[in-house]
Protein backbone atom coordinates (compact mmCIF):
# COMPACT_ATOMS: atom_id res chain seq x y z
CA MET A 1 51.28 33.66 42.79
CA SER A 2 50.43 36.87 44.37
CA ALA A 3 53.38 36.40 46.98
CA VAL A 4 55.86 36.63 44.09
CA ALA A 5 54.28 39.95 42.86
CA THR A 6 54.51 41.53 46.33
CA ASP A 7 57.96 39.89 47.47
CA ALA A 8 59.69 39.11 44.21
CA LYS A 9 63.07 39.73 45.59
CA GLY A 10 62.73 37.18 48.35
CA THR A 11 60.79 34.90 46.51
CA LEU A 12 62.89 34.68 43.35
CA ALA A 13 66.33 34.97 45.00
CA GLY A 14 68.72 32.41 44.10
CA LYS A 15 66.56 31.03 41.14
CA THR A 16 68.50 30.33 37.89
CA GLU A 17 67.88 32.14 34.67
CA GLU A 18 66.19 29.02 33.37
CA ALA A 19 63.93 28.62 36.46
CA LEU A 20 63.18 32.12 36.15
CA ARG A 21 62.02 31.71 32.55
CA VAL A 22 59.87 28.77 33.28
CA LEU A 23 58.19 30.55 36.33
CA ARG A 24 57.57 33.64 34.00
CA ASN A 25 55.99 31.45 31.41
CA LEU A 26 54.08 29.28 33.89
CA PRO A 27 50.58 31.11 33.33
CA HIS A 28 50.59 30.73 29.67
CA ALA A 29 51.88 27.02 29.95
CA ILE A 30 48.89 26.29 32.27
CA GLN A 31 46.40 27.59 29.83
CA GLY A 32 47.99 25.54 26.97
CA TYR A 33 50.17 28.13 25.00
CA ARG A 34 52.29 26.45 22.46
CA PHE A 35 55.74 27.64 22.99
CA GLN A 36 58.27 28.27 20.11
CA ASN A 37 61.23 28.27 22.29
CA ALA A 38 62.57 24.37 21.92
CA ALA A 39 64.05 24.51 25.43
CA LEU A 40 60.88 25.57 26.90
CA ARG A 41 58.91 23.07 25.04
CA ALA A 42 61.26 20.26 26.12
CA HIS A 43 60.89 21.11 29.69
CA LEU A 44 57.12 21.40 29.63
CA ALA A 45 56.65 18.23 27.57
CA LYS A 46 58.24 16.37 30.94
CA THR A 47 55.16 17.78 33.01
CA PRO A 48 52.01 15.65 33.11
CA TRP A 49 49.87 18.77 33.33
CA TYR A 50 50.99 20.84 30.15
CA VAL A 51 48.70 20.28 27.00
CA PRO A 52 49.34 22.72 24.13
CA ARG A 53 46.15 24.08 22.73
CA ALA A 54 45.36 25.35 19.33
CA ASP A 55 42.74 27.55 20.68
CA TYR A 56 45.07 29.17 23.18
CA ASP A 57 43.74 32.76 23.84
CA PRO A 58 45.94 35.19 26.11
CA GLN A 59 42.73 36.66 27.57
CA TRP A 60 42.78 33.77 29.60
CA ILE A 61 45.64 34.99 31.74
CA SER A 62 44.13 36.76 34.88
CA ALA A 63 45.14 40.10 36.53
CA GLU A 64 46.99 38.41 39.14
CA GLU A 65 48.87 36.18 36.75
CA HIS A 66 49.80 39.25 34.83
CA ALA A 67 51.27 40.74 38.02
CA PHE A 68 53.03 37.63 38.59
CA ILE A 69 54.67 37.84 35.09
CA LYS A 70 55.43 41.62 35.52
CA ALA A 71 57.13 40.96 38.86
CA ILE A 72 59.48 38.16 37.51
CA LYS A 73 60.32 40.29 34.51
CA ALA A 74 61.18 43.43 36.73
CA TYR A 75 63.31 41.03 39.12
CA GLU A 76 65.06 39.85 35.65
CA ARG A 77 65.69 43.36 34.56
CA GLU A 78 67.08 44.44 38.22
CA ASN A 79 69.44 41.37 38.39
CA GLY A 80 70.69 41.51 34.95
CA ARG A 81 68.93 38.45 33.68
């Protein structure tokens, strides 16, 4: 994930708004965050690895994952998404 944080423009170029949203939420999804957004929930429900957890804790997100999320958010702002 750190490659995105260091070269967001090249890595994220051409991604749809939906793809960016999924990527931005990926660290939380991996840890089992229960999404309120119906479209995101429906997308993740199709994956075999997504298991929502009642005990999800945002502290499970690493510093590298926070940098990943921050880079995508910056890219989205810079590109009007």
